[in-house]
């Protein structure tokens, strides 16, 4: 009887150690999965900023409002195995280049900007959590007309 009790105790300890080891392996995988999924989402943000028509980018209902106004939206950037959603917050704003004419948010003149170029930085910042840590990724796209 004593030998059976010792064998069951040893098997329980071995089982708990193996469970702890498997949990230690899964934590870095979640970090890597979340980093990959958020990188893919930021690629989408960059492509969206590059393809949006200039009229919409500068319009009143633009997804990138003029700085200092910032729009924040909660988005689902992907899902972990098992269907667990990965959520983040995207903050967007656009910043005028200092060489723009004053009507376009800059301080340029005909002498400094003879081509009347309009240059804007469309910036997207994604914040998300992995465990208790908060991470941020940003992409900035220069648009000119």
C-alpha atoms as a PDB file:
ATOM      1  CA  UNK A   1       0.000   0.000   0.000  1.00  0.00           C
ATOM      2  CA  UNK A   2       2.811   2.355   0.916  1.00  0.00           C
ATOM      3  CA  UNK A   3       4.551   1.724  -2.410  1.00  0.00           C
ATOM      4  CA  UNK A   4       1.372   2.529  -4.352  1.00  0.00           C
ATOM      5  CA  UNK A   5       0.965   5.779  -2.404  1.00  0.00           C
ATOM      6  CA  UNK A   6       4.578   6.771  -3.146  1.00  0.00           C
ATOM      7  CA  UNK A   7       4.154   5.963  -6.842  1.00  0.00           C
ATOM      8  CA  UNK A   8       0.977   8.069  -7.058  1.00  0.00           C
ATOM      9  CA  UNK A   9       2.700  10.944  -5.243  1.00  0.00           C
ATOM     10  CA  UNK A  10       5.663  10.831  -7.631  1.00  0.00           C
ATOM     11  CA  UNK A  11       3.352  10.738 -10.643  1.00  0.00           C
ATOM     12  CA  UNK A  12       1.421  13.726  -9.282  1.00  0.00           C
ATOM     13  CA  UNK A  13       4.636  15.731  -8.780  1.00  0.00           C
ATOM     14  CA  UNK A  14       5.874  14.820 -12.266  1.00  0.00           C
ATOM     15  CA  UNK A  15       2.502  15.770 -13.740  1.00  0.00           C
ATOM     16  CA  UNK A  16       2.538  19.175 -12.000  1.00  0.00           C
ATOM     17  CA  UNK A  17       6.116  19.859 -13.158  1.00  0.00           C
ATOM     18  CA  UNK A  18       5.196  18.985 -16.757  1.00  0.00           C
ATOM     19  CA  UNK A  19       2.097  21.202 -16.552  1.00  0.00           C
ATOM     20  CA  UNK A  20       4.216  24.115 -15.298  1.00  0.00           C
ATOM     21  CA  UNK A  21       6.745  23.568 -18.105  1.00  0.00           C
ATOM     22  CA  UNK A  22       4.020  23.516 -20.750  1.00  0.00           C
ATOM     23  CA  UNK A  23       2.566  26.779 -19.400  1.00  0.00           C
ATOM     24  CA  UNK A  24       6.027  28.388 -19.528  1.00  0.00           C
ATOM     25  CA  UNK A  25       6.277  27.414 -23.189  1.00  0.00           C
ATOM     26  CA  UNK A  26       2.862  28.895 -24.070  1.00  0.00           C
ATOM     27  CA  UNK A  27       3.485  32.394 -22.644  1.00  0.00           C
ATOM     28  CA  UNK A  28       6.235  33.372 -25.142  1.00  0.00           C
ATOM     29  CA  UNK A  29       4.153  31.936 -27.974  1.00  0.00           C
ATOM     30  CA  UNK A  30       1.295  34.281 -27.127  1.00  0.00           C
ATOM     31  CA  UNK A  31       3.711  37.227 -27.131  1.00  0.00           C
ATOM     32  CA  UNK A  32       5.095  36.219 -30.529  1.00  0.00           C
ATOM     33  CA  UNK A  33       1.607  35.629 -31.953  1.00  0.00           C
ATOM     34  CA  UNK A  34       0.395  39.025 -30.722  1.00  0.00           C
ATOM     35  CA  UNK A  35       3.471  40.766 -32.134  1.00  0.00           C
ATOM     36  CA  UNK A  36       2.956  39.122 -35.534  1.00  0.00           C
ATOM     37  CA  UNK A  37      -0.756  39.909 -35.648  1.00  0.00           C
ATOM     38  CA  UNK A  38      -0.248  43.535 -34.586  1.00  0.00           C
ATOM     39  CA  UNK A  39       2.520  43.964 -37.180  1.00  0.00           C
ATOM     40  CA  UNK A  40       0.107  42.710 -39.828  1.00  0.00           C
ATOM     41  CA  UNK A  41      -2.559  45.155 -38.626  1.00  0.00           C
ATOM     42  CA  UNK A  42      -0.096  48.042 -38.788  1.00  0.00           C
ATOM     43  CA  UNK A  43       0.690  47.045 -42.365  1.00  0.00           C
ATOM     44  CA  UNK A  44      -3.033  47.480 -43.060  1.00  0.00           C
ATOM     45  CA  UNK A  45      -2.977  50.920 -41.379  1.00  0.00           C
ATOM     46  CA  UNK A  46      -0.047  51.987 -43.548  1.00  0.00           C
ATOM     47  CA  UNK A  47      -1.703  50.758 -46.731  1.00  0.00           C
ATOM     48  CA  UNK A  48      -4.951  52.523 -45.773  1.00  0.00           C
ATOM     49  CA  UNK A  49      -3.104  55.803 -45.176  1.00  0.00           C
ATOM     50  CA  UNK A  50      -1.295  55.471 -48.510  1.00  0.00           C
ATOM     51  CA  UNK A  51      -4.378  54.731 -50.611  1.00  0.00           C
ATOM     52  CA  UNK A  52      -6.969  57.085 -49.106  1.00  0.00           C
ATOM     53  CA  UNK A  53      -7.784  59.906 -51.542  1.00  0.00           C
ATOM     54  CA  UNK A  54      -6.213  63.226 -50.596  1.00  0.00           C
ATOM     55  CA  UNK A  55      -9.631  64.940 -50.501  1.00  0.00           C
ATOM     56  CA  UNK A  56     -10.871  62.467 -47.893  1.00  0.00           C
ATOM     57  CA  UNK A  57      -7.618  62.659 -45.915  1.00  0.00           C
ATOM     58  CA  UNK A  58      -8.024  66.436 -45.579  1.00  0.00           C
ATOM     59  CA  UNK A  59     -11.824  66.426 -45.226  1.00  0.00           C
ATOM     60  CA  UNK A  60     -13.846  67.137 -42.099  1.00  0.00           C
ATOM     61  CA  UNK A  61     -14.728  63.440 -41.675  1.00  0.00           C
ATOM     62  CA  UNK A  62     -11.168  62.219 -42.227  1.00  0.00           C
ATOM     63  CA  UNK A  63     -10.039  59.100 -40.353  1.00  0.00           C
ATOM     64  CA  UNK A  64      -6.913  61.170 -39.571  1.00  0.00           C
ATOM     65  CA  UNK A  65      -8.079  64.454 -38.025  1.00  0.00           C
ATOM     66  CA  UNK A  66      -5.763  67.465 -37.955  1.00  0.00           C
ATOM     67  CA  UNK A  67      -3.428  67.603 -34.983  1.00  0.00           C
ATOM     68  CA  UNK A  68      -3.969  68.237 -32.021  1.00  0.00           C
ATOM     69  CA  UNK A  69      -7.238  66.315 -32.489  1.00  0.00           C
ATOM     70  CA  UNK A  70      -6.767  62.553 -32.195  1.00  0.00           C
ATOM     71  CA  UNK A  71      -9.350  59.874 -32.885  1.00  0.00           C
ATOM     72  CA  UNK A  72      -9.150  56.647 -30.906  1.00  0.00           C
ATOM     73  CA  UNK A  73     -10.904  53.485 -31.999  1.00  0.00           C
ATOM     74  CA  UNK A  74     -10.939  50.055 -30.387  1.00  0.00           C
ATOM     75  CA  UNK A  75     -10.215  47.405 -33.001  1.00  0.00           C
ATOM     76  CA  UNK A  76      -9.857  43.648 -33.142  1.00  0.00           C
ATOM     77  CA  UNK A  77      -6.446  43.076 -34.675  1.00  0.00           C
ATOM     78  CA  UNK A  78      -6.761  39.298 -34.814  1.00  0.00           C
ATOM     79  CA  UNK A  79      -7.491  36.140 -32.872  1.00  0.00           C
ATOM     80  CA  UNK A  80      -5.359  33.712 -30.924  1.00  0.00           C
ATOM     81  CA  UNK A  81      -5.816  29.964 -31.306  1.00  0.00           C
ATOM     82  CA  UNK A  82      -9.093  29.011 -29.713  1.00  0.00           C
ATOM     83  CA  UNK A  83     -10.834  32.117 -31.015  1.00  0.00           C
ATOM     84  CA  UNK A  84      -9.539  34.469 -28.305  1.00  0.00           C
ATOM     85  CA  UNK A  85      -9.691  38.009 -29.739  1.00  0.00           C
ATOM     86  CA  UNK A  86      -6.707  40.357 -29.653  1.00  0.00           C
ATOM     87  CA  UNK A  87      -7.983  43.891 -29.152  1.00  0.00           C
ATOM     88  CA  UNK A  88      -6.112  47.141 -29.383  1.00  0.00           C
ATOM     89  CA  UNK A  89      -6.711  50.857 -29.630  1.00  0.00           C
ATOM     90  CA  UNK A  90      -5.751  52.793 -32.756  1.00  0.00           C
ATOM     91  CA  UNK A  91      -5.110  56.514 -32.376  1.00  0.00           C
ATOM     92  CA  UNK A  92      -4.882  58.531 -35.597  1.00  0.00           C
ATOM     93  CA  UNK A  93      -3.910  62.092 -36.403  1.00  0.00           C
ATOM     94  CA  UNK A  94      -2.382  64.047 -39.267  1.00  0.00           C
ATOM     95  CA  UNK A  95       0.305  66.681 -38.899  1.00  0.00           C
ATOM     96  CA  UNK A  96       1.006  69.385 -41.497  1.00  0.00           C
ATOM     97  CA  UNK A  97       4.534  69.979 -42.729  1.00  0.00           C
ATOM     98  CA  UNK A  98       6.036  73.277 -41.630  1.00  0.00           C
ATOM     99  CA  UNK A  99       6.709  74.149 -45.290  1.00  0.00           C
ATOM    100  CA  UNK A 100       2.996  74.151 -46.171  1.00  0.00           C
ATOM    101  CA  UNK A 101       1.299  77.471 -46.764  1.00  0.00           C
ATOM    102  CA  UNK A 102      -0.440  78.929 -43.696  1.00  0.00           C
ATOM    103  CA  UNK A 103      -3.853  77.955 -45.109  1.00  0.00           C
ATOM    104  CA  UNK A 104      -2.599  74.343 -45.069  1.00  0.00           C
ATOM    105  CA  UNK A 105      -1.253  74.452 -41.522  1.00  0.00           C
ATOM    106  CA  UNK A 106       2.351  75.470 -42.179  1.00  0.00           C
ATOM    107  CA  UNK A 107       4.420  78.628 -42.291  1.00  0.00           C
ATOM    108  CA  UNK A 108       5.749  78.364 -45.837  1.00  0.00           C
ATOM    109  CA  UNK A 109       5.877  81.197 -48.358  1.00  0.00           C
ATOM    110  CA  UNK A 110       6.101  81.394 -52.124  1.00  0.00           C
ATOM    111  CA  UNK A 111       9.874  81.670 -51.717  1.00  0.00           C
ATOM    112  CA  UNK A 112      10.177  78.543 -49.527  1.00  0.00           C
ATOM    113  CA  UNK A 113       7.465  76.497 -51.255  1.00  0.00           C
ATOM    114  CA  UNK A 114       7.327  77.675 -54.901  1.00  0.00           C
ATOM    115  CA  UNK A 115       5.520  74.518 -56.072  1.00  0.00           C
ATOM    116  CA  UNK A 116       2.717  75.026 -53.505  1.00  0.00           C
ATOM    117  CA  UNK A 117       3.212  71.479 -52.208  1.00  0.00           C
ATOM    118  CA  UNK A 118       0.913  70.202 -49.494  1.00  0.00           C
ATOM    119  CA  UNK A 119       2.653  67.643 -47.301  1.00  0.00           C
ATOM    120  CA  UNK A 120       0.945  65.832 -44.422  1.00  0.00           C
ATOM    121  CA  UNK A 121       2.077  63.113 -42.029  1.00  0.00           C
ATOM    122  CA  UNK A 122      -0.687  60.587 -41.333  1.00  0.00           C
ATOM    123  CA  UNK A 123       0.208  58.888 -38.063  1.00  0.00           C
ATOM    124  CA  UNK A 124      -1.372  55.759 -36.594  1.00  0.00           C
ATOM    125  CA  UNK A 125      -0.503  54.428 -33.130  1.00  0.00           C
ATOM    126  CA  UNK A 126      -1.718  50.998 -31.995  1.00  0.00           C
ATOM    127  CA  UNK A 127      -1.644  50.176 -28.282  1.00  0.00           C
ATOM    128  CA  UNK A 128      -2.309  46.656 -27.024  1.00  0.00           C
ATOM    129  CA  UNK A 129      -1.658  44.494 -23.989  1.00  0.00           C
ATOM    130  CA  UNK A 130       0.270  41.274 -23.595  1.00  0.00           C
ATOM    131  CA  UNK A 131      -0.293  40.098 -20.042  1.00  0.00           C
ATOM    132  CA  UNK A 132       0.118  43.143 -17.822  1.00  0.00           C
ATOM    133  CA  UNK A 133       2.428  45.014 -20.209  1.00  0.00           C
ATOM    134  CA  UNK A 134       1.122  47.646 -22.623  1.00  0.00           C
ATOM    135  CA  UNK A 135       2.859  47.931 -25.995  1.00  0.00           C
ATOM    136  CA  UNK A 136       2.589  50.556 -28.722  1.00  0.00           C
ATOM    137  CA  UNK A 137       3.408  50.452 -32.417  1.00  0.00           C
ATOM    138  CA  UNK A 138       3.254  53.385 -34.767  1.00  0.00           C
ATOM    139  CA  UNK A 139       3.340  53.993 -38.482  1.00  0.00           C
ATOM    140  CA  UNK A 140       3.720  57.377 -40.153  1.00  0.00           C
ATOM    141  CA  UNK A 141       2.954  57.912 -43.817  1.00  0.00           C
ATOM    142  CA  UNK A 142       3.970  61.071 -45.693  1.00  0.00           C
ATOM    143  CA  UNK A 143       1.382  62.207 -48.195  1.00  0.00           C
ATOM    144  CA  UNK A 144       1.981  65.052 -50.629  1.00  0.00           C
ATOM    145  CA  UNK A 145       0.030  66.779 -53.310  1.00  0.00           C
END
